[in-house]
Protein backbone atom coordinates (compact mmCIF):
# COMPACT_ATOMS: atom_id res chain seq x y z
CA MET A 1 20.53 20.94 -25.26
CA SER A 2 23.79 22.35 -26.70
CA ASP A 3 24.97 25.86 -25.83
CA TYR A 4 25.63 27.42 -29.22
CA SER A 5 27.30 30.47 -27.65
CA ASP A 6 30.36 28.28 -27.17
CA TYR A 7 31.02 28.25 -30.87
CA ASP A 8 31.99 30.98 -33.42
CA ASP A 9 29.17 31.89 -35.79
CA ASP A 10 31.50 32.61 -38.79
CA ASP A 11 34.46 30.44 -39.67
CA ASP A 12 35.45 32.35 -42.92
CA ASP A 13 38.44 34.72 -42.87
CA ASP A 14 37.78 38.45 -43.55
CA PHE A 15 39.59 39.99 -46.60
CA VAL A 16 40.10 43.74 -47.50
CA ILE A 17 41.78 45.56 -50.42
CA ASP A 18 44.78 47.76 -49.51
CA SER A 19 44.69 51.33 -50.84
CA PRO A 20 46.94 51.61 -53.98
CA PRO A 21 50.50 53.03 -53.59
CA PRO A 22 51.59 56.21 -55.50
CA LYS A 23 52.08 55.72 -59.25
CA SER A 24 55.60 55.95 -60.74
CA LYS A 25 56.52 56.72 -64.37
CA ASN A 26 56.81 53.92 -66.92
CA LYS A 27 55.78 51.37 -64.36
CA THR A 28 52.51 49.71 -63.98
CA THR A 29 51.35 48.69 -60.57
CA THR A 30 48.78 46.13 -59.67
CA THR A 31 46.66 45.77 -56.66
CA LYS A 32 47.51 42.92 -54.35
CA ALA A 33 44.98 41.23 -52.10
CA THR A 34 46.39 40.79 -48.68
CA LYS A 35 44.88 39.09 -45.71
CA THR A 36 44.12 41.27 -42.77
CA PRO A 37 44.96 39.55 -39.49
CA LYS A 38 41.79 38.66 -37.66
CA ALA A 39 41.27 40.22 -34.29
CA THR A 40 42.30 37.76 -31.64
CA LYS A 41 39.46 36.73 -29.35
CA ALA A 42 40.07 35.88 -25.75
CA PRO A 43 39.56 32.14 -25.40
CA LYS A 44 36.12 31.45 -23.98
CA LYS A 45 36.13 29.00 -21.13
CA LYS A 46 33.65 26.23 -21.75
CA GLN A 47 31.40 25.31 -18.88
CA PRO A 48 30.88 21.71 -17.80
CA LEU A 49 27.54 20.29 -18.97
CA ALA A 50 26.26 20.00 -15.41
CA ASN A 51 26.76 23.73 -14.92
CA THR A 52 24.87 24.71 -18.06
CA THR A 53 21.62 23.19 -16.86
CA ASN A 54 19.16 24.76 -14.46
CA THR A 55 20.27 23.78 -10.98
CA THR A 56 19.78 25.14 -7.51
CA ASP A 57 22.29 25.53 -4.75
CA SER A 58 20.58 22.76 -2.82
CA MET A 59 21.29 20.37 -5.69
CA ALA A 60 24.94 21.29 -6.04
CA VAL A 61 27.32 18.54 -5.03
CA SER A 62 30.49 19.44 -3.26
CA PRO A 63 33.56 18.05 -5.02
CA LYS A 64 34.70 16.77 -1.64
CA THR A 65 31.53 14.67 -1.17
CA LYS A 66 32.30 11.00 -1.49
CA LYS A 67 29.72 8.35 -2.30
CA LYS A 68 29.12 6.11 0.65
CA LYS A 69 30.51 2.69 0.07
CA THR A 70 28.06 -0.15 0.54
CA THR A 71 28.94 -3.71 1.31
CA ALA A 72 27.25 -6.84 0.07
CA SER A 73 25.66 -7.18 3.50
CA ASP A 74 24.15 -3.69 3.11
CA GLN A 75 22.78 -4.54 -0.33
CA TYR A 76 21.01 -7.78 0.59
CA GLN A 77 18.43 -7.70 3.36
CA LYS A 78 16.27 -10.21 5.12
CA LEU A 79 12.83 -9.17 6.33
CA SER A 80 10.54 -10.91 8.75
CA GLN A 81 7.18 -12.04 7.37
CA LEU A 82 5.47 -9.14 9.14
CA GLU A 83 7.97 -6.61 7.78
CA HIS A 84 7.61 -7.98 4.26
CA ILE A 85 3.81 -7.72 4.36
CA LEU A 86 3.98 -4.10 5.48
CA LYS A 87 6.70 -3.23 2.94
CA ARG A 88 5.04 -5.01 -0.01
CA PRO A 89 1.31 -4.89 0.81
CA ASP A 90 0.19 -5.31 -2.80
CA THR A 91 1.55 -8.88 -2.74
CA TYR A 92 -0.91 -9.79 0.00
CA ILE A 93 -3.94 -7.48 -0.07
CA GLY A 94 -3.75 -5.74 -3.42
CA SER A 95 -3.24 -2.06 -4.11
CA VAL A 96 -3.19 0.38 -1.20
CA GLU A 97 -3.97 3.33 -3.48
CA LYS A 98 -7.36 4.65 -4.52
CA TYR A 99 -8.70 3.86 -7.93
CA GLU A 100 -11.93 4.67 -9.68
CA SER A 101 -14.38 1.95 -10.68
CA GLU A 102 -18.07 1.52 -11.31
CA GLN A 103 -19.74 -0.59 -8.65
CA TRP A 104 -23.03 -1.27 -6.96
CA VAL A 105 -23.19 0.49 -3.61
CA ILE A 106 -25.70 1.16 -0.85
CA ASN A 107 -27.16 4.65 -0.96
CA GLU A 108 -27.33 5.86 2.65
CA GLU A 109 -30.28 8.16 2.02
CA THR A 110 -32.51 5.79 0.06
CA GLN A 111 -31.10 2.56 1.54
CA CYS A 112 -31.23 1.13 -1.96
CA MET A 113 -28.62 -0.24 -4.33
CA GLU A 114 -27.29 2.06 -7.01
CA LYS A 115 -24.56 1.66 -9.59
CA ARG A 116 -22.12 4.54 -9.73
CA LYS A 117 -18.45 5.43 -9.95
CA VAL A 118 -16.57 5.23 -6.68
CA ASN A 119 -12.99 5.78 -5.53
CA ILE A 120 -11.92 3.01 -3.18
CA VAL A 121 -8.73 1.34 -1.95
CA PRO A 122 -8.76 -2.38 -2.87
CA GLY A 123 -6.49 -3.29 0.05
CA LEU A 124 -8.90 -1.85 2.61
CA PHE A 125 -11.79 -3.72 1.03
CA LYS A 126 -9.70 -6.92 1.15
CA ILE A 127 -8.97 -6.87 4.89
CA PHE A 128 -12.66 -6.24 5.64
CA ASP A 129 -13.65 -9.09 3.35
CA GLU A 130 -11.26 -11.50 5.09
CA ILE A 131 -13.13 -10.99 8.36
CA LEU A 132 -16.57 -11.10 6.75
CA VAL A 133 -15.84 -14.34 4.86
CA ASN A 134 -14.54 -15.92 8.08
CA ALA A 135 -17.85 -15.14 9.74
CA ALA A 136 -19.80 -16.61 6.81
CA ASP A 137 -17.61 -19.75 6.84
CA ASN A 138 -18.74 -20.46 10.39
CA LYS A 139 -22.16 -21.22 8.97
CA ILE A 140 -20.63 -24.27 7.29
CA ARG A 141 -19.14 -25.43 10.57
CA ASP A 142 -22.28 -24.66 12.55
CA PRO A 143 -25.56 -24.95 10.62
CA SER A 144 -27.44 -23.51 13.62
CA MET A 145 -25.81 -20.11 13.05
CA LYS A 146 -28.48 -17.56 12.10
CA LYS A 147 -26.93 -14.14 11.56
CA ILE A 148 -23.94 -11.87 11.12
CA ASP A 149 -23.95 -8.41 12.68
CA VAL A 150 -21.77 -5.80 10.97
CA LYS A 151 -21.24 -2.33 12.40
CA ILE A 152 -19.22 0.41 10.72
CA ASP A 153 -18.47 3.30 13.07
CA VAL A 154 -17.16 6.04 10.80
CA GLU A 155 -16.66 8.57 13.59
CA ASN A 156 -14.40 6.27 15.62
CA ASN A 157 -12.91 4.44 12.61
CA ALA A 158 -14.02 1.06 13.98
CA ILE A 159 -15.55 -1.96 12.24
CA SER A 160 -17.20 -4.87 14.04
CA VAL A 161 -18.16 -8.25 12.55
CA LYS A 162 -19.98 -10.70 14.85
CA ASN A 163 -21.56 -14.08 14.17
CA ASP A 164 -23.74 -16.14 16.51
CA GLY A 165 -22.32 -19.50 15.52
CA ARG A 166 -20.06 -21.88 17.40
CA GLY A 167 -17.24 -20.15 19.24
CA ILE A 168 -13.51 -20.81 18.88
CA PRO A 169 -12.19 -23.48 21.26
CA ILE A 170 -10.68 -21.74 24.28
CA GLU A 171 -7.86 -24.10 25.07
CA ILE A 172 -4.09 -24.35 24.80
CA HIS A 173 -2.82 -25.80 21.53
CA THR A 174 -0.87 -28.94 22.39
CA LYS A 175 1.99 -28.30 19.92
CA GLU A 176 2.21 -24.50 19.81
CA ASN A 177 1.67 -23.99 23.55
CA MET A 178 -0.65 -21.01 23.14
CA TYR A 179 -4.38 -20.40 23.17
CA ILE A 180 -6.02 -21.32 19.90
CA PRO A 181 -7.66 -17.87 19.33
CA GLU A 182 -4.24 -16.23 19.67
CA MET A 183 -2.72 -18.73 17.26
CA ILE A 184 -5.49 -18.09 14.70
CA PHE A 185 -5.48 -14.30 14.73
CA GLY A 186 -1.97 -13.36 15.88
CA ASN A 187 0.35 -15.81 14.14
CA LEU A 188 0.99 -16.00 10.40
CA LEU A 189 0.57 -19.20 8.40
CA THR A 190 -1.94 -20.76 10.78
CA SER A 191 -5.05 -22.25 9.20
CA SER A 192 -7.66 -24.98 9.52
CA ASN A 193 -7.55 -25.56 5.74
CA TYR A 194 -4.19 -27.28 5.29
CA ASP A 195 -5.67 -30.73 4.75
CA ASP A 196 -5.56 -30.96 0.95
CA ASP A 197 -7.42 -34.26 1.04
CA GLU A 198 -10.45 -32.53 2.49
CA LYS A 199 -13.03 -30.94 0.21
CA LYS A 200 -12.82 -27.13 0.40
CA VAL A 201 -16.14 -25.48 1.15
CA THR A 202 -14.82 -22.41 3.00
CA GLY A 203 -12.62 -19.46 2.10
CA GLY A 204 -8.90 -19.28 2.85
CA ARG A 205 -6.15 -21.85 2.46
CA ASN A 206 -2.77 -20.12 2.85
CA GLY A 207 -2.72 -19.10 6.50
CA TYR A 208 -2.90 -15.31 6.08
CA GLY A 209 -6.58 -14.34 6.09
CA ALA A 210 -7.61 -12.50 9.23
CA LYS A 211 -3.98 -11.89 10.21
CA LEU A 212 -3.71 -9.46 7.31
CA CYS A 213 -6.55 -7.44 8.82
CA ASN A 214 -4.69 -7.45 12.14
CA ILE A 215 -1.46 -6.31 10.47
CA PHE A 216 -3.14 -3.41 8.66
CA SER A 217 -4.97 -2.18 11.75
CA THR A 218 -3.91 0.08 14.58
CA GLU A 219 -6.05 -2.02 16.90
CA PHE A 220 -7.54 -5.49 16.48
CA SER A 221 -9.59 -7.45 19.02
CA VAL A 222 -11.12 -10.90 19.11
CA LYS A 223 -13.95 -11.93 21.44
CA THR A 224 -15.31 -15.45 21.47
CA ALA A 225 -17.55 -17.55 23.74
CA ASP A 226 -16.97 -21.31 23.93
CA LYS A 227 -19.91 -23.26 25.35
CA SER A 228 -17.95 -26.49 25.70
CA ASN A 229 -15.51 -24.83 28.12
CA GLN A 230 -17.95 -22.25 29.49
CA LYS A 231 -15.38 -19.55 28.87
CA VAL A 232 -15.23 -16.12 27.18
CA TYR A 233 -11.94 -15.10 25.58
CA VAL A 234 -10.86 -11.51 24.80
CA GLN A 235 -7.52 -10.42 23.33
CA THR A 236 -6.26 -7.24 21.64
CA TRP A 237 -3.33 -6.48 19.33
CA ARG A 238 -2.05 -3.00 18.54
CA ASN A 239 0.43 -1.27 16.22
CA ASN A 240 -0.03 -3.46 13.15
CA MET A 241 0.08 -6.67 15.17
CA GLY A 242 3.36 -5.49 16.67
CA THR A 243 2.05 -5.42 20.24
CA THR A 244 0.20 -8.43 21.62
CA GLY A 245 -2.00 -7.98 24.65
CA LYS A 246 -2.51 -10.72 27.21
CA PRO A 247 -5.68 -12.76 26.76
CA LYS A 248 -8.47 -12.22 29.28
CA ILE A 249 -10.52 -15.32 30.06
CA THR A 250 -13.70 -15.13 32.11
CA GLU A 251 -16.60 -17.40 32.94
CA MET A 252 -19.42 -17.56 30.42
CA LYS A 253 -22.54 -15.89 31.86
CA LYS A 254 -24.94 -16.28 28.94
CA LYS A 255 -25.32 -19.64 27.26
CA GLU A 256 -24.78 -18.11 23.84
CA GLU A 257 -21.77 -18.73 21.67
CA TYR A 258 -20.36 -16.11 19.31
CA THR A 259 -17.20 -14.73 17.76
CA GLU A 260 -16.69 -11.00 17.26
CA ILE A 261 -13.84 -9.16 15.56
CA ILE A 262 -13.42 -5.42 16.13
CA PHE A 263 -10.70 -3.59 14.24
CA LYS A 264 -9.55 -0.08 13.48
CA PRO A 265 -7.96 0.00 10.02
CA ASP A 266 -4.67 1.86 9.76
CA LEU A 267 -6.02 4.48 7.37
CA ALA A 268 -2.61 6.12 6.88
CA LYS A 269 -1.38 2.97 5.15
CA PHE A 270 -4.22 3.36 2.65
CA GLY A 271 -3.66 7.07 2.05
CA MET A 272 -6.90 7.94 3.85
CA THR A 273 -7.93 10.03 6.82
CA SER A 274 -11.43 8.61 7.34
CA LEU A 275 -13.86 5.99 6.14
CA ASP A 276 -15.52 7.95 3.35
CA ALA A 277 -18.93 7.42 1.76
CA ASP A 278 -17.54 5.47 -1.20
CA ILE A 279 -15.78 2.77 0.80
CA VAL A 280 -18.61 2.51 3.33
CA GLY A 281 -21.13 2.06 0.51
CA VAL A 282 -19.06 -0.74 -1.05
CA LEU A 283 -18.48 -2.49 2.30
CA LYS A 284 -22.19 -2.48 3.06
CA ARG A 285 -22.97 -3.85 -0.37
CA ARG A 286 -20.52 -6.67 0.29
CA VAL A 287 -22.46 -7.58 3.44
CA TYR A 288 -25.61 -7.96 1.31
CA ASP A 289 -23.60 -10.12 -1.11
CA ILE A 290 -22.73 -12.51 1.72
CA CYS A 291 -26.28 -12.63 3.02
CA GLY A 292 -27.58 -13.42 -0.42
CA SER A 293 -25.05 -16.19 -1.06
CA VAL A 294 -25.29 -18.13 2.20
CA ARG A 295 -28.56 -19.94 2.80
CA GLY A 296 -30.44 -19.53 6.04
CA PHE A 297 -29.27 -16.36 7.72
CA GLY A 298 -29.49 -12.57 7.61
CA SER A 299 -27.52 -9.63 8.90
């Protein structure tokens, strides 16, 4: 906005009529219009545009402040896969901000479905769904699997998904030189679905899946029992998959195979402080979706 006080309001010169001189005999005098010198104004110092706007002292920039020079190496950066996922989560799990939508949810009081508006974070729903779909996929690999147990502990911010199907092989991978459960859940781009000649009947194909849940959790644990090796395997990751615990392998006491994932979502990364009623209602509804779409088991 211009500061009109910097300009004169009237550019016309002011004129006055001088008082007539004394008359003399036999001479006629006429009045003469003369210009009265305009009063000289002190030149007004114009202010720089930056100083005519509303600013605070904290925003003022010292004339001595020099902009930090950046090099080409400073401008271009290389991130690890883990860093990129955390920095650009929407590329992998969708939005990490709440949005309002109308969905079917489980009413905790009536234990019935109801359609209503909820505010949920799609990214949080996504990492839960990765684990749930993995459990359902095991039914394809092991037709004898009968159920999936899902527990949502709001007070302790912990979610558990357990299936009673065939366990993960507890053995060292011949090429990667690590236990297969660690390779599956703690290393990106590992998958059992890379054979493009094989018909796809399970979810996942890009090698992210459950690892995304690990990355967006403050704590992530896998427990699996392998009947063929008579072993039970337990391993925990912390700090967004940044800290890998050592696997604990014990003898199998019960002749029952299973795989259980327990994770604590990093709520701060989803702008949340707790698992609220909206997200819990949608997660529980998703469990019913899975039960209704896979033949032969319940939850």
